[in-house]
């Protein structure tokens, strides 16, 4: 699965900017969205996992590391 496909799935499900990189079938997604405001890290990750879960279950995505930020948190980085 191409990183652009994973990026598009995440951005279609959340009002966000996503950057996705891959090493084989292991992906890392940096997701910046104000939809994360007031959410716990676990809740943020669940929101993103829900968008790609079908591909995790099929094995197309072996592992996904999620780094989730609100826009203000990302601006501070």
PDB file of N, CA and C in Angstrom:
ATOM      1  N   UNK A   1       0.845  -1.170   0.000  1.00  0.00           N
ATOM      2  CA  UNK A   1       0.000   0.000   0.000  1.00  0.00           C
ATOM      3  C   UNK A   1       0.896   1.241   0.000  1.00  0.00           C
ATOM      4  N   UNK A   2       0.555   2.188  -0.854  1.00  0.00           N
ATOM      5  CA  UNK A   2       1.337   3.422  -0.976  1.00  0.00           C
ATOM      6  C   UNK A   2       1.043   4.368   0.194  1.00  0.00           C
ATOM      7  N   UNK A   3       2.050   5.140   0.571  1.00  0.00           N
ATOM      8  CA  UNK A   3       1.854   6.104   1.661  1.00  0.00           C
ATOM      9  C   UNK A   3       0.767   7.116   1.306  1.00  0.00           C
ATOM     10  N   UNK A   4       0.660   7.460   0.033  1.00  0.00           N
ATOM     11  CA  UNK A   4      -0.366   8.421  -0.389  1.00  0.00           C
ATOM     12  C   UNK A   4      -1.768   7.866  -0.141  1.00  0.00           C
ATOM     13  N   UNK A   5      -1.957   6.555  -0.281  1.00  0.00           N
ATOM     14  CA  UNK A   5      -3.260   5.939  -0.022  1.00  0.00           C
ATOM     15  C   UNK A   5      -3.619   6.050   1.464  1.00  0.00           C
ATOM     16  N   UNK A   6      -2.643   5.783   2.327  1.00  0.00           N
ATOM     17  CA  UNK A   6      -2.874   5.873   3.771  1.00  0.00           C
ATOM     18  C   UNK A   6      -3.166   7.319   4.144  1.00  0.00           C
ATOM     19  N   UNK A   7      -2.395   8.241   3.610  1.00  0.00           N
ATOM     20  CA  UNK A   7      -2.602   9.679   3.856  1.00  0.00           C
ATOM     21  C   UNK A   7      -4.013  10.085   3.436  1.00  0.00           C
ATOM     22  N   UNK A   8      -4.443   9.667   2.253  1.00  0.00           N
ATOM     23  CA  UNK A   8      -5.768  10.036   1.747  1.00  0.00           C
ATOM     24  C   UNK A   8      -6.882   9.469   2.619  1.00  0.00           C
ATOM     25  N   UNK A   9      -6.721   8.241   3.120  1.00  0.00           N
ATOM     26  CA  UNK A   9      -7.734   7.646   3.993  1.00  0.00           C
ATOM     27  C   UNK A   9      -7.870   8.447   5.284  1.00  0.00           C
ATOM     28  N   UNK A  10      -6.743   8.842   5.858  1.00  0.00           N
ATOM     29  CA  UNK A  10      -6.762   9.604   7.107  1.00  0.00           C
ATOM     30  C   UNK A  10      -7.384  10.976   6.872  1.00  0.00           C
ATOM     31  N   UNK A  11      -6.956  11.649   5.812  1.00  0.00           N
ATOM     32  CA  UNK A  11      -7.465  12.996   5.542  1.00  0.00           C
ATOM     33  C   UNK A  11      -8.934  12.994   5.120  1.00  0.00           C
ATOM     34  N   UNK A  12      -9.413  11.882   4.557  1.00  0.00           N
ATOM     35  CA  UNK A  12     -10.826  11.787   4.180  1.00  0.00           C
ATOM     36  C   UNK A  12     -11.715  11.626   5.419  1.00  0.00           C
ATOM     37  N   UNK A  13     -11.155  11.048   6.482  1.00  0.00           N
ATOM     38  CA  UNK A  13     -11.948  10.786   7.675  1.00  0.00           C
ATOM     39  C   UNK A  13     -11.845  11.835   8.758  1.00  0.00           C
ATOM     40  N   UNK A  14     -10.816  12.659   8.689  1.00  0.00           N
ATOM     41  CA  UNK A  14     -10.607  13.706   9.694  1.00  0.00           C
ATOM     42  C   UNK A  14     -10.327  15.025   8.986  1.00  0.00           C
ATOM     43  N   UNK A  15     -10.695  16.120   9.609  1.00  0.00           N
ATOM     44  CA  UNK A  15     -10.294  17.433   9.117  1.00  0.00           C
ATOM     45  C   UNK A  15      -8.878  17.642   9.621  1.00  0.00           C
ATOM     46  N   UNK A  16      -7.894  17.266   8.785  1.00  0.00           N
ATOM     47  CA  UNK A  16      -6.508  17.246   9.258  1.00  0.00           C
ATOM     48  C   UNK A  16      -5.532  17.411   8.108  1.00  0.00           C
ATOM     49  N   UNK A  17      -4.280  17.576   8.500  1.00  0.00           N
ATOM     50  CA  UNK A  17      -3.143  17.461   7.581  1.00  0.00           C
ATOM     51  C   UNK A  17      -2.368  16.256   8.062  1.00  0.00           C
ATOM     52  N   UNK A  18      -2.080  15.327   7.157  1.00  0.00           N
ATOM     53  CA  UNK A  18      -1.357  14.117   7.531  1.00  0.00           C
ATOM     54  C   UNK A  18      -0.111  13.963   6.678  1.00  0.00           C
ATOM     55  N   UNK A  19       0.941  13.467   7.293  1.00  0.00           N
ATOM     56  CA  UNK A  19       2.167  13.092   6.602  1.00  0.00           C
ATOM     57  C   UNK A  19       2.408  11.632   6.936  1.00  0.00           C
ATOM     58  N   UNK A  20       2.565  10.808   5.919  1.00  0.00           N
ATOM     59  CA  UNK A  20       2.741   9.376   6.141  1.00  0.00           C
ATOM     60  C   UNK A  20       4.029   8.924   5.472  1.00  0.00           C
ATOM     61  N   UNK A  21       4.838   8.200   6.237  1.00  0.00           N
ATOM     62  CA  UNK A  21       6.048   7.590   5.701  1.00  0.00           C
ATOM     63  C   UNK A  21       5.966   6.088   5.954  1.00  0.00           C
ATOM     64  N   UNK A  22       6.794   5.331   5.230  1.00  0.00           N
ATOM     65  CA  UNK A  22       6.738   3.876   5.379  1.00  0.00           C
ATOM     66  C   UNK A  22       8.119   3.256   5.254  1.00  0.00           C
ATOM     67  N   UNK A  23       8.253   2.145   5.964  1.00  0.00           N
ATOM     68  CA  UNK A  23       9.408   1.272   5.833  1.00  0.00           C
ATOM     69  C   UNK A  23       8.822  -0.120   5.611  1.00  0.00           C
ATOM     70  N   UNK A  24       8.643  -0.478   4.358  1.00  0.00           N
ATOM     71  CA  UNK A  24       7.948  -1.720   4.045  1.00  0.00           C
ATOM     72  C   UNK A  24       6.472  -1.547   4.362  1.00  0.00           C
ATOM     73  N   UNK A  25       5.931  -2.434   5.199  1.00  0.00           N
ATOM     74  CA  UNK A  25       4.514  -2.332   5.571  1.00  0.00           C
ATOM     75  C   UNK A  25       4.340  -1.705   6.948  1.00  0.00           C
ATOM     76  N   UNK A  26       5.400  -1.076   7.459  1.00  0.00           N
ATOM     77  CA  UNK A  26       5.348  -0.370   8.740  1.00  0.00           C
ATOM     78  C   UNK A  26       5.285   1.127   8.442  1.00  0.00           C
ATOM     79  N   UNK A  27       4.201   1.745   8.877  1.00  0.00           N
ATOM     80  CA  UNK A  27       3.926   3.140   8.556  1.00  0.00           C
ATOM     81  C   UNK A  27       4.013   4.026   9.784  1.00  0.00           C
ATOM     82  N   UNK A  28       4.359   5.289   9.536  1.00  0.00           N
ATOM     83  CA  UNK A  28       4.313   6.324  10.568  1.00  0.00           C
ATOM     84  C   UNK A  28       3.469   7.459  10.017  1.00  0.00           C
ATOM     85  N   UNK A  29       2.496   7.890  10.815  1.00  0.00           N
ATOM     86  CA  UNK A  29       1.627   8.992  10.401  1.00  0.00           C
ATOM     87  C   UNK A  29       1.723  10.119  11.418  1.00  0.00           C
ATOM     88  N   UNK A  30       2.016  11.314  10.919  1.00  0.00           N
ATOM     89  CA  UNK A  30       1.931  12.523  11.723  1.00  0.00           C
ATOM     90  C   UNK A  30       0.627  13.177  11.306  1.00  0.00           C
ATOM     91  N   UNK A  31      -0.281  13.322  12.261  1.00  0.00           N
ATOM     92  CA  UNK A  31      -1.618  13.830  11.967  1.00  0.00           C
ATOM     93  C   UNK A  31      -1.856  15.075  12.815  1.00  0.00           C
ATOM     94  N   UNK A  32      -2.175  16.185  12.145  1.00  0.00           N
ATOM     95  CA  UNK A  32      -2.399  17.459  12.817  1.00  0.00           C
ATOM     96  C   UNK A  32      -3.846  17.876  12.596  1.00  0.00           C
ATOM     97  N   UNK A  33      -4.605  17.937  13.694  1.00  0.00           N
ATOM     98  CA  UNK A  33      -6.026  18.256  13.588  1.00  0.00           C
ATOM     99  C   UNK A  33      -6.545  18.875  14.878  1.00  0.00           C
ATOM    100  N   UNK A  34      -7.393  19.870  14.738  1.00  0.00           N
ATOM    101  CA  UNK A  34      -8.044  20.430  15.920  1.00  0.00           C
ATOM    102  C   UNK A  34      -9.133  19.498  16.448  1.00  0.00           C
ATOM    103  N   UNK A  35      -9.479  18.442  15.703  1.00  0.00           N
ATOM    104  CA  UNK A  35     -10.419  17.441  16.196  1.00  0.00           C
ATOM    105  C   UNK A  35      -9.844  16.698  17.407  1.00  0.00           C
ATOM    106  N   UNK A  36      -8.534  16.803  17.623  1.00  0.00           N
ATOM    107  CA  UNK A  36      -7.889  16.152  18.764  1.00  0.00           C
ATOM    108  C   UNK A  36      -7.967  16.987  20.041  1.00  0.00           C
ATOM    109  N   UNK A  37      -8.442  18.220  19.918  1.00  0.00           N
ATOM    110  CA  UNK A  37      -8.510  19.118  21.074  1.00  0.00           C
ATOM    111  C   UNK A  37      -9.288  18.465  22.216  1.00  0.00           C
ATOM    112  N   UNK A  38      -8.660  18.415  23.390  1.00  0.00           N
ATOM    113  CA  UNK A  38      -9.303  17.875  24.580  1.00  0.00           C
ATOM    114  C   UNK A  38      -9.349  16.359  24.657  1.00  0.00           C
ATOM    115  N   UNK A  39      -8.785  15.670  23.677  1.00  0.00           N
ATOM    116  CA  UNK A  39      -8.795  14.204  23.653  1.00  0.00           C
ATOM    117  C   UNK A  39      -7.513  13.653  24.284  1.00  0.00           C
ATOM    118  N   UNK A  40      -7.624  12.459  24.836  1.00  0.00           N
ATOM    119  CA  UNK A  40      -6.428  11.779  25.347  1.00  0.00           C
ATOM    120  C   UNK A  40      -5.644  11.216  24.155  1.00  0.00           C
ATOM    121  N   UNK A  41      -4.385  10.862  24.399  1.00  0.00           N
ATOM    122  CA  UNK A  41      -3.560  10.278  23.351  1.00  0.00           C
ATOM    123  C   UNK A  41      -4.213   8.999  22.816  1.00  0.00           C
ATOM    124  N   UNK A  42      -4.774   8.193  23.715  1.00  0.00           N
ATOM    125  CA  UNK A  42      -5.425   6.946  23.299  1.00  0.00           C
ATOM    126  C   UNK A  42      -6.632   7.254  22.409  1.00  0.00           C
ATOM    127  N   UNK A  43      -7.432   8.240  22.776  1.00  0.00           N
ATOM    128  CA  UNK A  43      -8.595   8.609  21.971  1.00  0.00           C
ATOM    129  C   UNK A  43      -8.174   9.110  20.586  1.00  0.00           C
ATOM    130  N   UNK A  44      -7.102   9.894  20.546  1.00  0.00           N
ATOM    131  CA  UNK A  44      -6.593  10.387  19.262  1.00  0.00           C
ATOM    132  C   UNK A  44      -6.178   9.226  18.373  1.00  0.00           C
ATOM    133  N   UNK A  45      -5.445   8.287  18.934  1.00  0.00           N
ATOM    134  CA  UNK A  45      -4.981   7.140  18.158  1.00  0.00           C
ATOM    135  C   UNK A  45      -6.147   6.280  17.692  1.00  0.00           C
ATOM    136  N   UNK A  46      -7.157   6.101  18.540  1.00  0.00           N
ATOM    137  CA  UNK A  46      -8.338   5.326  18.142  1.00  0.00           C
ATOM    138  C   UNK A  46      -9.047   5.980  16.956  1.00  0.00           C
ATOM    139  N   UNK A  47      -9.088   7.302  16.943  1.00  0.00           N
ATOM    140  CA  UNK A  47      -9.728   8.016  15.842  1.00  0.00           C
ATOM    141  C   UNK A  47      -9.024   7.715  14.522  1.00  0.00           C
ATOM    142  N   UNK A  48      -7.705   7.690  14.556  1.00  0.00           N
ATOM    143  CA  UNK A  48      -6.931   7.433  13.333  1.00  0.00           C
ATOM    144  C   UNK A  48      -6.992   5.953  12.968  1.00  0.00           C
ATOM    145  N   UNK A  49      -6.794   5.070  13.939  1.00  0.00           N
ATOM    146  CA  UNK A  49      -6.860   3.629  13.661  1.00  0.00           C
ATOM    147  C   UNK A  49      -8.184   3.236  13.030  1.00  0.00           C
ATOM    148  N   UNK A  50      -9.281   3.837  13.475  1.00  0.00           N
ATOM    149  CA  UNK A  50     -10.599   3.496  12.935  1.00  0.00           C
ATOM    150  C   UNK A  50     -10.672   3.734  11.424  1.00  0.00           C
ATOM    151  N   UNK A  51      -9.900   4.679  10.934  1.00  0.00           N
ATOM    152  CA  UNK A  51      -9.917   5.020   9.515  1.00  0.00           C
ATOM    153  C   UNK A  51      -9.162   4.016   8.647  1.00  0.00           C
ATOM    154  N   UNK A  52      -8.218   3.310   9.234  1.00  0.00           N
ATOM    155  CA  UNK A  52      -7.372   2.381   8.461  1.00  0.00           C
ATOM    156  C   UNK A  52      -7.474   0.940   8.952  1.00  0.00           C
ATOM    157  N   UNK A  53      -8.369   0.692   9.890  1.00  0.00           N
ATOM    158  CA  UNK A  53      -8.459  -0.617  10.537  1.00  0.00           C
ATOM    159  C   UNK A  53      -8.641  -1.764   9.544  1.00  0.00           C
ATOM    160  N   UNK A  54      -9.432  -1.560   8.519  1.00  0.00           N
ATOM    161  CA  UNK A  54      -9.656  -2.601   7.512  1.00  0.00           C
ATOM    162  C   UNK A  54      -8.334  -3.064   6.907  1.00  0.00           C
ATOM    163  N   UNK A  55      -7.429  -2.133   6.673  1.00  0.00           N
ATOM    164  CA  UNK A  55      -6.147  -2.450   6.041  1.00  0.00           C
ATOM    165  C   UNK A  55      -5.148  -3.050   7.039  1.00  0.00           C
ATOM    166  N   UNK A  56      -5.318  -2.718   8.307  1.00  0.00           N
ATOM    167  CA  UNK A  56      -4.516  -3.363   9.344  1.00  0.00           C
ATOM    168  C   UNK A  56      -4.946  -4.818   9.467  1.00  0.00           C
ATOM    169  N   UNK A  57      -6.252  -5.047   9.490  1.00  0.00           N
ATOM    170  CA  UNK A  57      -6.762  -6.410   9.612  1.00  0.00           C
ATOM    171  C   UNK A  57      -6.401  -7.275   8.409  1.00  0.00           C
ATOM    172  N   UNK A  58      -6.353  -6.682   7.219  1.00  0.00           N
ATOM    173  CA  UNK A  58      -6.013  -7.447   6.013  1.00  0.00           C
ATOM    174  C   UNK A  58      -4.520  -7.731   5.915  1.00  0.00           C
ATOM    175  N   UNK A  59      -3.716  -6.999   6.709  1.00  0.00           N
ATOM    176  CA  UNK A  59      -2.269  -7.174   6.655  1.00  0.00           C
ATOM    177  C   UNK A  59      -1.565  -6.230   5.703  1.00  0.00           C
ATOM    178  N   UNK A  60      -2.327  -5.417   4.980  1.00  0.00           N
ATOM    179  CA  UNK A  60      -1.713  -4.443   4.068  1.00  0.00           C
ATOM    180  C   UNK A  60      -0.874  -3.434   4.848  1.00  0.00           C
ATOM    181  N   UNK A  61      -1.345  -3.108   6.047  1.00  0.00           N
ATOM    182  CA  UNK A  61      -0.581  -2.267   6.966  1.00  0.00           C
ATOM    183  C   UNK A  61      -0.216  -3.160   8.139  1.00  0.00           C
ATOM    184  N   UNK A  62       1.072  -3.439   8.271  1.00  0.00           N
ATOM    185  CA  UNK A  62       1.522  -4.322   9.342  1.00  0.00           C
ATOM    186  C   UNK A  62       1.561  -3.592  10.683  1.00  0.00           C
ATOM    187  N   UNK A  63       2.034  -2.353  10.652  1.00  0.00           N
ATOM    188  CA  UNK A  63       2.151  -1.558  11.877  1.00  0.00           C
ATOM    189  C   UNK A  63       1.958  -0.091  11.506  1.00  0.00           C
ATOM    190  N   UNK A  64       1.330   0.641  12.416  1.00  0.00           N
ATOM    191  CA  UNK A  64       1.114   2.062  12.208  1.00  0.00           C
ATOM    192  C   UNK A  64       1.444   2.807  13.491  1.00  0.00           C
ATOM    193  N   UNK A  65       2.440   3.664  13.412  1.00  0.00           N
ATOM    194  CA  UNK A  65       2.779   4.548  14.523  1.00  0.00           C
ATOM    195  C   UNK A  65       2.103   5.883  14.249  1.00  0.00           C
ATOM    196  N   UNK A  66       1.358   6.356  15.238  1.00  0.00           N
ATOM    197  CA  UNK A  66       0.613   7.599  15.068  1.00  0.00           C
ATOM    198  C   UNK A  66       1.174   8.661  16.009  1.00  0.00           C
ATOM    199  N   UNK A  67       1.491   9.804  15.434  1.00  0.00           N
ATOM    200  CA  UNK A  67       1.890  10.970  16.206  1.00  0.00           C
ATOM    201  C   UNK A  67       0.828  12.021  15.933  1.00  0.00           C
ATOM    202  N   UNK A  68      -0.053  12.238  16.911  1.00  0.00           N
ATOM    203  CA  UNK A  68      -1.197  13.129  16.730  1.00  0.00           C
ATOM    204  C   UNK A  68      -0.999  14.424  17.505  1.00  0.00           C
ATOM    205  N   UNK A  69      -1.332  15.531  16.844  1.00  0.00           N
ATOM    206  CA  UNK A  69      -1.162  16.854  17.440  1.00  0.00           C
ATOM    207  C   UNK A  69      -2.341  17.735  17.076  1.00  0.00           C
ATOM    208  N   UNK A  70      -2.685  18.663  17.967  1.00  0.00           N
ATOM    209  CA  UNK A  70      -3.581  19.741  17.567  1.00  0.00           C
ATOM    210  C   UNK A  70      -2.732  20.741  16.774  1.00  0.00           C
ATOM    211  N   UNK A  71      -3.378  21.670  16.122  1.00  0.00           N
ATOM    212  CA  UNK A  71      -2.621  22.649  15.341  1.00  0.00           C
ATOM    213  C   UNK A  71      -1.706  23.498  16.227  1.00  0.00           C
ATOM    214  N   UNK A  72      -2.179  23.839  17.435  1.00  0.00           N
ATOM    215  CA  UNK A  72      -1.339  24.646  18.330  1.00  0.00           C
ATOM    216  C   UNK A  72      -0.171  23.815  18.856  1.00  0.00           C
ATOM    217  N   UNK A  73      -0.390  22.530  19.140  1.00  0.00           N
ATOM    218  CA  UNK A  73       0.719  21.660  19.582  1.00  0.00           C
ATOM    219  C   UNK A  73       1.754  21.525  18.474  1.00  0.00           C
ATOM    220  N   UNK A  74       1.294  21.391  17.236  1.00  0.00           N
ATOM    221  CA  UNK A  74       2.210  21.248  16.104  1.00  0.00           C
ATOM    222  C   UNK A  74       3.002  22.534  15.888  1.00  0.00           C
ATOM    223  N   UNK A  75       2.358  23.677  16.063  1.00  0.00           N
ATOM    224  CA  UNK A  75       3.049  24.962  15.905  1.00  0.00           C
ATOM    225  C   UNK A  75       4.160  25.115  16.947  1.00  0.00           C
ATOM    226  N   UNK A  76       3.980  24.515  18.124  1.00  0.00           N
ATOM    227  CA  UNK A  76       4.993  24.584  19.167  1.00  0.00           C
ATOM    228  C   UNK A  76       6.174  23.667  18.906  1.00  0.00           C
ATOM    229  N   UNK A  77       6.049  22.729  17.986  1.00  0.00           N
ATOM    230  CA  UNK A  77       7.120  21.750  17.710  1.00  0.00           C
ATOM    231  C   UNK A  77       8.263  22.367  16.946  1.00  0.00           C
TER     232      UNK A  77
END
